Amino acid sequence: MANLIRKRDADQPITRAWDPLRADPFQMVRDLMRWDPFRELEGFNGGGFRERAFIPDVELKETADAYLFKADLPGVQEKDLEISVIGNRIQITGKREEEESQDDSRYYAYERSYGTFTRSFTLPEGANADQVTAQLKDGVLQLKVPKHPDVQPRRIEVKSEGAQK
């Protein structure tokens, strides 16, 4: 059974033992990207700001006819999500609301994050930003940005000179 750890207060720093032989470089980058330099100032503003930043993980891949985005948005409602295209940039904005808690509740772990987020991506040349489609299903947002037909790959037939008459 896992040990239960009580939720830390805002004025207690997070310390983690670092072992260079077991360090995951990808996790280190994710931790760095989620680092909030203003979190250290929580103690100075009366302790009112306790929510952790919510930054959804995004996967982007290119297929022959489109660019596909997938964003993990568990707990985000459609009404709290906005997707906009401005020029060659696509922006995903939303919020994940914290669940109501009762005053007599005691947390032993508090790792889920809440709040507003914005992710922006520059679309490459040839992306048809006028035809973007979006679907939110099972906590995963899927965006499809089709390519213009003139930038899609087409097969060129190769003819040999070996045929004589």
N, C-alpha and C. Protein backbone atom coordinates (compact mmCIF):
# COMPACT_ATOMS: atom_id res chain seq x y z
N MET A 1 0.85 -1.17 0.00
CA MET A 1 0.00 0.00 0.00
C MET A 1 0.89 1.23 0.00
N ALA A 2 0.53 2.23 -0.77
CA ALA A 2 1.31 3.45 -0.87
C ALA A 2 1.16 4.27 0.40
N ASN A 3 2.22 4.97 0.76
CA ASN A 3 2.15 5.87 1.90
C ASN A 3 1.26 7.05 1.57
N LEU A 4 0.51 7.49 2.53
CA LEU A 4 -0.34 8.67 2.34
C LEU A 4 0.45 9.89 2.77
N ILE A 5 0.40 10.92 1.94
CA ILE A 5 1.13 12.15 2.22
C ILE A 5 0.12 13.28 2.23
N ARG A 6 0.17 14.06 3.26
CA ARG A 6 -0.77 15.18 3.37
C ARG A 6 -0.38 16.28 2.41
N LYS A 7 -1.39 16.97 1.88
CA LYS A 7 -1.19 18.06 0.93
C LYS A 7 -0.27 19.11 1.55
N ARG A 8 0.69 19.60 0.73
CA ARG A 8 1.64 20.58 1.24
C ARG A 8 0.98 21.96 1.28
N ASP A 9 1.44 22.80 2.19
CA ASP A 9 1.00 24.18 2.24
C ASP A 9 1.76 24.98 1.21
N ALA A 10 1.23 26.13 0.82
CA ALA A 10 1.84 26.95 -0.23
C ALA A 10 3.24 27.43 0.16
N ASP A 11 3.51 27.58 1.48
CA ASP A 11 4.81 28.10 1.87
C ASP A 11 5.86 27.01 2.04
N GLN A 12 5.51 25.76 1.82
CA GLN A 12 6.48 24.68 1.90
C GLN A 12 7.05 24.40 0.51
N PRO A 13 8.36 24.46 0.34
CA PRO A 13 8.93 24.21 -0.99
C PRO A 13 8.83 22.73 -1.34
N ILE A 14 8.77 22.46 -2.64
CA ILE A 14 8.78 21.09 -3.12
C ILE A 14 10.24 20.68 -3.29
N THR A 15 10.61 19.59 -2.65
CA THR A 15 11.97 19.09 -2.82
C THR A 15 11.88 17.68 -3.37
N ARG A 16 12.79 17.38 -4.23
CA ARG A 16 12.80 16.07 -4.87
C ARG A 16 14.26 15.63 -5.00
N ALA A 17 14.53 14.42 -4.56
CA ALA A 17 15.89 13.90 -4.71
C ALA A 17 16.18 13.69 -6.18
N TRP A 18 17.35 14.12 -6.61
CA TRP A 18 17.70 14.00 -8.02
C TRP A 18 18.81 12.99 -8.17
N ASP A 19 18.54 11.98 -8.94
CA ASP A 19 19.52 10.94 -9.22
C ASP A 19 19.84 11.00 -10.71
N PRO A 20 21.05 11.41 -11.09
CA PRO A 20 21.36 11.56 -12.52
C PRO A 20 21.26 10.26 -13.31
N LEU A 21 21.39 9.12 -12.65
CA LEU A 21 21.30 7.85 -13.36
C LEU A 21 19.86 7.45 -13.64
N ARG A 22 18.93 8.00 -12.88
CA ARG A 22 17.52 7.67 -13.07
C ARG A 22 16.70 8.84 -13.63
N ALA A 23 17.37 9.92 -13.93
CA ALA A 23 16.66 11.11 -14.40
C ALA A 23 16.12 10.88 -15.80
N ASP A 24 14.87 11.22 -15.98
CA ASP A 24 14.23 11.14 -17.28
C ASP A 24 14.32 12.52 -17.92
N PRO A 25 15.09 12.68 -19.00
CA PRO A 25 15.24 14.01 -19.58
C PRO A 25 13.92 14.59 -20.08
N PHE A 26 13.02 13.74 -20.56
CA PHE A 26 11.72 14.23 -21.03
C PHE A 26 10.89 14.77 -19.86
N GLN A 27 10.94 14.07 -18.72
CA GLN A 27 10.22 14.54 -17.55
C GLN A 27 10.83 15.84 -17.03
N MET A 28 12.15 15.96 -17.12
CA MET A 28 12.79 17.20 -16.69
C MET A 28 12.32 18.37 -17.53
N VAL A 29 12.20 18.18 -18.84
CA VAL A 29 11.72 19.25 -19.71
C VAL A 29 10.27 19.58 -19.40
N ARG A 30 9.43 18.54 -19.18
CA ARG A 30 8.03 18.80 -18.82
C ARG A 30 7.95 19.59 -17.52
N ASP A 31 8.76 19.21 -16.53
CA ASP A 31 8.76 19.94 -15.26
C ASP A 31 9.20 21.38 -15.47
N LEU A 32 10.21 21.58 -16.31
CA LEU A 32 10.71 22.92 -16.55
C LEU A 32 9.66 23.77 -17.26
N MET A 33 8.94 23.18 -18.22
CA MET A 33 7.92 23.92 -18.94
C MET A 33 6.74 24.30 -18.04
N ARG A 34 6.53 23.54 -16.99
CA ARG A 34 5.43 23.83 -16.06
C ARG A 34 5.87 24.69 -14.89
N TRP A 35 7.15 25.06 -14.85
CA TRP A 35 7.66 25.86 -13.75
C TRP A 35 7.08 27.25 -13.81
N ASP A 36 6.57 27.72 -12.72
CA ASP A 36 5.99 29.05 -12.63
C ASP A 36 6.89 29.90 -11.73
N PRO A 37 7.62 30.87 -12.30
CA PRO A 37 8.54 31.66 -11.48
C PRO A 37 7.82 32.49 -10.42
N PHE A 38 6.54 32.76 -10.61
CA PHE A 38 5.80 33.57 -9.65
C PHE A 38 5.24 32.74 -8.50
N ARG A 39 5.32 31.42 -8.61
CA ARG A 39 4.82 30.57 -7.53
C ARG A 39 5.60 30.81 -6.24
N GLU A 40 6.90 31.19 -6.38
CA GLU A 40 7.72 31.44 -5.21
C GLU A 40 7.19 32.64 -4.42
N LEU A 41 6.40 33.48 -5.05
CA LEU A 41 5.87 34.67 -4.38
C LEU A 41 4.54 34.41 -3.68
N GLU A 42 4.08 33.17 -3.66
CA GLU A 42 2.78 32.86 -3.05
C GLU A 42 2.68 33.34 -1.62
N GLY A 43 3.73 33.22 -0.88
CA GLY A 43 3.70 33.61 0.52
C GLY A 43 3.51 35.11 0.71
N PHE A 44 3.87 35.90 -0.29
CA PHE A 44 3.79 37.34 -0.17
C PHE A 44 2.42 37.91 -0.49
N ASN A 45 1.55 37.14 -1.13
CA ASN A 45 0.26 37.69 -1.50
C ASN A 45 -0.86 37.17 -0.59
N GLY A 46 -0.51 36.80 0.60
CA GLY A 46 -1.52 36.37 1.55
C GLY A 46 -1.92 34.91 1.39
N GLY A 47 -1.24 34.18 0.54
CA GLY A 47 -1.51 32.76 0.36
C GLY A 47 -2.79 32.48 -0.39
N GLY A 48 -3.37 33.47 -1.05
CA GLY A 48 -4.62 33.27 -1.75
C GLY A 48 -4.50 32.48 -3.03
N PHE A 49 -3.33 32.47 -3.63
CA PHE A 49 -3.15 31.77 -4.91
C PHE A 49 -2.55 30.40 -4.65
N ARG A 50 -3.38 29.38 -4.75
CA ARG A 50 -2.88 28.04 -4.47
C ARG A 50 -3.06 27.09 -5.64
N GLU A 51 -3.66 27.51 -6.73
CA GLU A 51 -3.90 26.58 -7.82
C GLU A 51 -2.64 26.40 -8.65
N ARG A 52 -2.41 25.17 -9.07
CA ARG A 52 -1.28 24.86 -9.93
C ARG A 52 -1.69 25.14 -11.35
N ALA A 53 -0.72 25.47 -12.16
CA ALA A 53 -1.00 25.74 -13.56
C ALA A 53 -1.41 24.46 -14.27
N PHE A 54 -2.44 24.56 -15.06
CA PHE A 54 -2.89 23.43 -15.87
C PHE A 54 -2.41 23.67 -17.30
N ILE A 55 -1.50 22.84 -17.77
CA ILE A 55 -0.97 22.94 -19.12
C ILE A 55 -1.19 21.58 -19.79
N PRO A 56 -2.16 21.52 -20.70
CA PRO A 56 -2.45 20.21 -21.31
C PRO A 56 -1.32 19.76 -22.23
N ASP A 57 -1.11 18.45 -22.24
CA ASP A 57 -0.14 17.86 -23.15
C ASP A 57 -0.76 17.78 -24.53
N VAL A 58 0.05 18.10 -25.55
CA VAL A 58 -0.43 18.14 -26.93
C VAL A 58 0.45 17.25 -27.79
N GLU A 59 -0.19 16.58 -28.72
CA GLU A 59 0.51 15.75 -29.70
C GLU A 59 0.16 16.32 -31.07
N LEU A 60 1.15 16.51 -31.91
CA LEU A 60 0.94 17.07 -33.24
C LEU A 60 1.62 16.17 -34.25
N LYS A 61 0.86 15.76 -35.26
CA LYS A 61 1.47 14.93 -36.30
C LYS A 61 0.98 15.36 -37.66
N GLU A 62 1.81 15.08 -38.65
CA GLU A 62 1.50 15.42 -40.03
C GLU A 62 1.20 14.15 -40.80
N THR A 63 0.12 14.16 -41.56
CA THR A 63 -0.20 13.07 -42.46
C THR A 63 -0.10 13.62 -43.88
N ALA A 64 -0.37 12.80 -44.86
CA ALA A 64 -0.26 13.24 -46.24
C ALA A 64 -1.24 14.36 -46.57
N ASP A 65 -2.40 14.37 -45.91
CA ASP A 65 -3.41 15.37 -46.27
C ASP A 65 -3.79 16.35 -45.18
N ALA A 66 -3.19 16.23 -43.97
CA ALA A 66 -3.59 17.13 -42.88
C ALA A 66 -2.56 17.16 -41.77
N TYR A 67 -2.76 18.14 -40.86
CA TYR A 67 -2.02 18.21 -39.60
C TYR A 67 -3.03 17.87 -38.52
N LEU A 68 -2.67 16.95 -37.63
CA LEU A 68 -3.58 16.48 -36.60
C LEU A 68 -3.05 16.85 -35.22
N PHE A 69 -3.90 17.48 -34.42
CA PHE A 69 -3.57 17.85 -33.06
C PHE A 69 -4.41 16.98 -32.13
N LYS A 70 -3.80 16.53 -31.05
CA LYS A 70 -4.53 15.88 -29.96
C LYS A 70 -4.07 16.51 -28.67
N ALA A 71 -5.02 16.95 -27.86
CA ALA A 71 -4.70 17.58 -26.58
C ALA A 71 -5.45 16.84 -25.48
N ASP A 72 -4.74 16.47 -24.43
CA ASP A 72 -5.36 15.82 -23.28
C ASP A 72 -6.02 16.88 -22.41
N LEU A 73 -7.35 16.85 -22.36
CA LEU A 73 -8.12 17.83 -21.60
C LEU A 73 -9.12 17.16 -20.67
N PRO A 74 -8.66 16.30 -19.77
CA PRO A 74 -9.62 15.64 -18.88
C PRO A 74 -10.31 16.65 -17.97
N GLY A 75 -11.61 16.53 -17.86
CA GLY A 75 -12.37 17.41 -16.99
C GLY A 75 -12.73 18.75 -17.60
N VAL A 76 -12.33 19.01 -18.83
CA VAL A 76 -12.66 20.28 -19.49
C VAL A 76 -13.95 20.09 -20.26
N GLN A 77 -14.89 21.00 -20.04
CA GLN A 77 -16.18 20.95 -20.72
C GLN A 77 -16.09 21.70 -22.05
N GLU A 78 -16.95 21.32 -23.01
CA GLU A 78 -16.99 22.02 -24.30
C GLU A 78 -17.22 23.51 -24.13
N LYS A 79 -18.08 23.88 -23.21
CA LYS A 79 -18.41 25.29 -22.99
C LYS A 79 -17.22 26.08 -22.47
N ASP A 80 -16.24 25.42 -21.89
CA ASP A 80 -15.06 26.08 -21.33
C ASP A 80 -13.88 26.06 -22.29
N LEU A 81 -14.12 25.75 -23.54
CA LEU A 81 -13.06 25.59 -24.53
C LEU A 81 -13.30 26.52 -25.71
N GLU A 82 -12.25 27.17 -26.18
CA GLU A 82 -12.34 28.05 -27.34
C GLU A 82 -11.15 27.79 -28.25
N ILE A 83 -11.43 27.59 -29.52
CA ILE A 83 -10.39 27.36 -30.52
C ILE A 83 -10.53 28.46 -31.55
N SER A 84 -9.43 29.15 -31.84
CA SER A 84 -9.48 30.23 -32.82
C SER A 84 -8.28 30.15 -33.74
N VAL A 85 -8.48 30.65 -34.95
CA VAL A 85 -7.41 30.73 -35.94
C VAL A 85 -7.25 32.19 -36.30
N ILE A 86 -6.06 32.70 -36.13
CA ILE A 86 -5.75 34.08 -36.47
C ILE A 86 -4.54 34.04 -37.40
N GLY A 87 -4.79 34.34 -38.67
CA GLY A 87 -3.71 34.25 -39.66
C GLY A 87 -3.22 32.82 -39.78
N ASN A 88 -1.94 32.60 -39.49
CA ASN A 88 -1.38 31.25 -39.56
C ASN A 88 -1.15 30.66 -38.17
N ARG A 89 -1.86 31.18 -37.16
CA ARG A 89 -1.74 30.65 -35.80
C ARG A 89 -3.07 30.07 -35.34
N ILE A 90 -2.96 28.92 -34.70
CA ILE A 90 -4.15 28.31 -34.10
C ILE A 90 -3.96 28.38 -32.59
N GLN A 91 -5.01 28.76 -31.89
CA GLN A 91 -4.93 28.93 -30.44
C GLN A 91 -6.03 28.14 -29.76
N ILE A 92 -5.65 27.40 -28.73
CA ILE A 92 -6.58 26.62 -27.92
C ILE A 92 -6.58 27.24 -26.53
N THR A 93 -7.73 27.70 -26.09
CA THR A 93 -7.86 28.34 -24.78
C THR A 93 -8.98 27.66 -24.02
N GLY A 94 -8.81 27.50 -22.74
CA GLY A 94 -9.87 26.89 -21.94
C GLY A 94 -9.56 26.94 -20.47
N LYS A 95 -10.40 26.28 -19.70
CA LYS A 95 -10.18 26.21 -18.26
C LYS A 95 -10.72 24.90 -17.73
N ARG A 96 -10.07 24.44 -16.68
CA ARG A 96 -10.56 23.27 -15.95
C ARG A 96 -10.86 23.73 -14.54
N GLU A 97 -12.12 23.60 -14.18
CA GLU A 97 -12.60 24.07 -12.89
C GLU A 97 -12.23 23.09 -11.78
N GLU A 98 -11.86 23.64 -10.65
CA GLU A 98 -11.59 22.81 -9.49
C GLU A 98 -12.90 22.34 -8.90
N GLU A 99 -12.95 21.10 -8.46
CA GLU A 99 -14.15 20.55 -7.88
C GLU A 99 -14.39 21.17 -6.51
N GLU A 100 -15.64 21.30 -6.16
CA GLU A 100 -16.00 21.85 -4.85
C GLU A 100 -15.52 20.89 -3.76
N SER A 101 -14.94 21.44 -2.71
CA SER A 101 -14.52 20.60 -1.59
C SER A 101 -15.16 21.13 -0.32
N GLN A 102 -15.40 20.24 0.60
CA GLN A 102 -16.00 20.62 1.87
C GLN A 102 -14.90 20.97 2.85
N ASP A 103 -15.19 21.85 3.77
CA ASP A 103 -14.18 22.30 4.72
C ASP A 103 -13.67 21.19 5.62
N ASP A 104 -14.47 20.15 5.84
CA ASP A 104 -14.03 19.07 6.71
C ASP A 104 -13.23 18.00 5.96
N SER A 105 -12.93 18.26 4.68
CA SER A 105 -12.17 17.29 3.89
C SER A 105 -10.70 17.38 4.24
N ARG A 106 -10.03 16.23 4.19
CA ARG A 106 -8.59 16.18 4.42
C ARG A 106 -7.95 15.51 3.21
N TYR A 107 -7.02 16.20 2.57
CA TYR A 107 -6.32 15.66 1.42
C TYR A 107 -5.04 14.95 1.86
N TYR A 108 -4.79 13.81 1.28
CA TYR A 108 -3.54 13.10 1.51
C TYR A 108 -2.64 13.19 0.28
N ALA A 109 -3.22 13.51 -0.82
CA ALA A 109 -2.48 13.79 -2.05
C ALA A 109 -3.28 14.84 -2.82
N TYR A 110 -2.57 15.78 -3.44
CA TYR A 110 -3.23 16.85 -4.20
C TYR A 110 -2.34 17.15 -5.38
N GLU A 111 -2.49 16.37 -6.45
CA GLU A 111 -1.60 16.47 -7.59
C GLU A 111 -2.30 16.97 -8.85
N ARG A 112 -3.60 16.98 -8.86
CA ARG A 112 -4.33 17.45 -10.04
C ARG A 112 -4.24 18.96 -10.12
N SER A 113 -4.15 19.48 -11.33
CA SER A 113 -4.03 20.91 -11.50
C SER A 113 -5.27 21.47 -12.19
N TYR A 114 -5.55 22.74 -11.91
CA TYR A 114 -6.74 23.39 -12.40
C TYR A 114 -6.36 24.78 -12.88
N GLY A 115 -7.26 25.40 -13.59
CA GLY A 115 -7.04 26.78 -14.00
C GLY A 115 -7.24 26.96 -15.49
N THR A 116 -6.87 28.15 -15.95
CA THR A 116 -6.99 28.46 -17.37
C THR A 116 -5.69 28.13 -18.08
N PHE A 117 -5.81 27.88 -19.38
CA PHE A 117 -4.63 27.57 -20.18
C PHE A 117 -4.81 28.15 -21.57
N THR A 118 -3.70 28.38 -22.24
CA THR A 118 -3.68 28.78 -23.64
C THR A 118 -2.49 28.10 -24.29
N ARG A 119 -2.74 27.45 -25.40
CA ARG A 119 -1.68 26.84 -26.21
C ARG A 119 -1.82 27.41 -27.61
N SER A 120 -0.74 27.90 -28.19
CA SER A 120 -0.75 28.46 -29.54
C SER A 120 0.28 27.76 -30.40
N PHE A 121 -0.06 27.58 -31.66
CA PHE A 121 0.82 26.90 -32.61
C PHE A 121 0.81 27.66 -33.93
N THR A 122 1.97 27.80 -34.53
CA THR A 122 2.07 28.41 -35.85
C THR A 122 1.87 27.31 -36.88
N LEU A 123 0.93 27.52 -37.78
CA LEU A 123 0.65 26.54 -38.82
C LEU A 123 1.64 26.70 -39.96
N PRO A 124 2.09 25.61 -40.54
CA PRO A 124 3.04 25.69 -41.65
C PRO A 124 2.35 26.16 -42.93
N GLU A 125 3.17 26.58 -43.90
CA GLU A 125 2.61 26.96 -45.20
C GLU A 125 1.86 25.78 -45.78
N GLY A 126 0.79 26.05 -46.43
CA GLY A 126 0.00 24.99 -47.05
C GLY A 126 -1.13 24.47 -46.18
N ALA A 127 -1.17 24.89 -44.92
CA ALA A 127 -2.28 24.48 -44.05
C ALA A 127 -3.52 25.29 -44.40
N ASN A 128 -4.64 24.62 -44.53
CA ASN A 128 -5.90 25.27 -44.88
C ASN A 128 -6.63 25.63 -43.58
N ALA A 129 -6.32 26.80 -43.04
CA ALA A 129 -6.87 27.23 -41.75
C ALA A 129 -8.37 27.49 -41.81
N ASP A 130 -8.94 27.60 -43.01
CA ASP A 130 -10.37 27.83 -43.14
C ASP A 130 -11.19 26.55 -42.95
N GLN A 131 -10.56 25.41 -42.97
CA GLN A 131 -11.27 24.12 -42.91
C GLN A 131 -10.95 23.33 -41.63
N VAL A 132 -10.57 24.01 -40.55
CA VAL A 132 -10.23 23.33 -39.30
C VAL A 132 -11.48 22.70 -38.69
N THR A 133 -11.36 21.46 -38.25
CA THR A 133 -12.46 20.80 -37.53
C THR A 133 -11.97 20.40 -36.15
N ALA A 134 -12.89 20.38 -35.18
CA ALA A 134 -12.54 20.06 -33.80
C ALA A 134 -13.57 19.10 -33.22
N GLN A 135 -13.07 18.18 -32.38
CA GLN A 135 -13.95 17.22 -31.71
C GLN A 135 -13.38 16.96 -30.31
N LEU A 136 -14.23 17.03 -29.29
CA LEU A 136 -13.85 16.71 -27.92
C LEU A 136 -14.54 15.42 -27.54
N LYS A 137 -13.75 14.38 -27.30
CA LYS A 137 -14.32 13.08 -26.96
C LYS A 137 -13.46 12.40 -25.91
N ASP A 138 -14.08 11.97 -24.85
CA ASP A 138 -13.41 11.25 -23.76
C ASP A 138 -12.21 12.02 -23.21
N GLY A 139 -12.35 13.35 -23.11
CA GLY A 139 -11.28 14.16 -22.55
C GLY A 139 -10.12 14.43 -23.48
N VAL A 140 -10.27 14.10 -24.76
CA VAL A 140 -9.22 14.35 -25.74
C VAL A 140 -9.78 15.25 -26.83
N LEU A 141 -9.14 16.39 -27.03
CA LEU A 141 -9.52 17.30 -28.10
C LEU A 141 -8.74 16.92 -29.35
N GLN A 142 -9.45 16.74 -30.46
CA GLN A 142 -8.81 16.40 -31.73
C GLN A 142 -9.10 17.51 -32.73
N LEU A 143 -8.05 18.11 -33.26
CA LEU A 143 -8.16 19.13 -34.29
C LEU A 143 -7.58 18.58 -35.57
N LYS A 144 -8.24 18.86 -36.68
CA LYS A 144 -7.73 18.45 -37.98
C LYS A 144 -7.61 19.70 -38.84
N VAL A 145 -6.39 19.98 -39.28
CA VAL A 145 -6.14 21.12 -40.16
C VAL A 145 -5.72 20.53 -41.51
N PRO A 146 -6.64 20.53 -42.48
CA PRO A 146 -6.29 19.93 -43.77
C PRO A 146 -5.25 20.77 -44.52
N LYS A 147 -4.56 20.11 -45.43
CA LYS A 147 -3.60 20.80 -46.28
C LYS A 147 -4.30 21.24 -47.56
N HIS A 148 -3.81 22.33 -48.14
CA HIS A 148 -4.30 22.74 -49.45
C HIS A 148 -3.93 21.66 -50.46
N PRO A 149 -4.78 21.40 -51.45
CA PRO A 149 -4.48 20.34 -52.43
C PRO A 149 -3.16 20.53 -53.17
N ASP A 150 -2.76 21.78 -53.40
CA ASP A 150 -1.53 22.00 -54.15
C ASP A 150 -0.26 21.67 -53.36
N VAL A 151 -0.34 21.47 -52.04
CA VAL A 151 0.84 21.09 -51.26
C VAL A 151 0.81 19.62 -50.85
N GLN A 152 -0.23 18.91 -51.21
CA GLN A 152 -0.30 17.49 -50.91
C GLN A 152 0.57 16.73 -51.90
N PRO A 153 1.20 15.67 -51.44
CA PRO A 153 2.06 14.91 -52.35
C PRO A 153 1.24 14.24 -53.45
N ARG A 154 1.79 14.21 -54.64
CA ARG A 154 1.15 13.50 -55.75
C ARG A 154 2.21 12.63 -56.40
N ARG A 155 1.77 11.53 -56.92
CA ARG A 155 2.68 10.54 -57.49
C ARG A 155 3.04 10.94 -58.92
N ILE A 156 4.31 10.87 -59.25
CA ILE A 156 4.82 11.16 -60.58
C ILE A 156 5.21 9.84 -61.23
N GLU A 157 4.67 9.61 -62.41
CA GLU A 157 4.97 8.38 -63.13
C GLU A 157 6.35 8.48 -63.76
N VAL A 158 7.13 7.44 -63.61
CA VAL A 158 8.48 7.39 -64.18
C VAL A 158 8.41 6.54 -65.44
N LYS A 159 8.93 7.06 -66.54
CA LYS A 159 8.97 6.34 -67.81
C LYS A 159 10.43 6.01 -68.13
N SER A 160 10.61 4.83 -68.66
CA SER A 160 11.99 4.43 -69.02
C SER A 160 12.20 4.63 -70.51
N GLU A 161 13.44 4.86 -70.90
CA GLU A 161 13.80 5.05 -72.31
C GLU A 161 14.14 3.74 -72.97
N GLY A 162 14.09 2.65 -72.30
CA GLY A 162 14.54 1.36 -72.83
C GLY A 162 13.65 0.80 -73.93
N ALA A 163 12.49 1.26 -74.13
CA ALA A 163 11.59 0.72 -75.14
C ALA A 163 11.95 1.31 -76.51
N GLN A 164 12.38 0.42 -77.49
CA GLN A 164 12.72 0.86 -78.84
C GLN A 164 11.67 0.41 -79.82
N LYS A 165 11.50 1.15 -80.92
CA LYS A 165 10.52 0.80 -81.94
C LYS A 165 11.13 0.10 -83.09
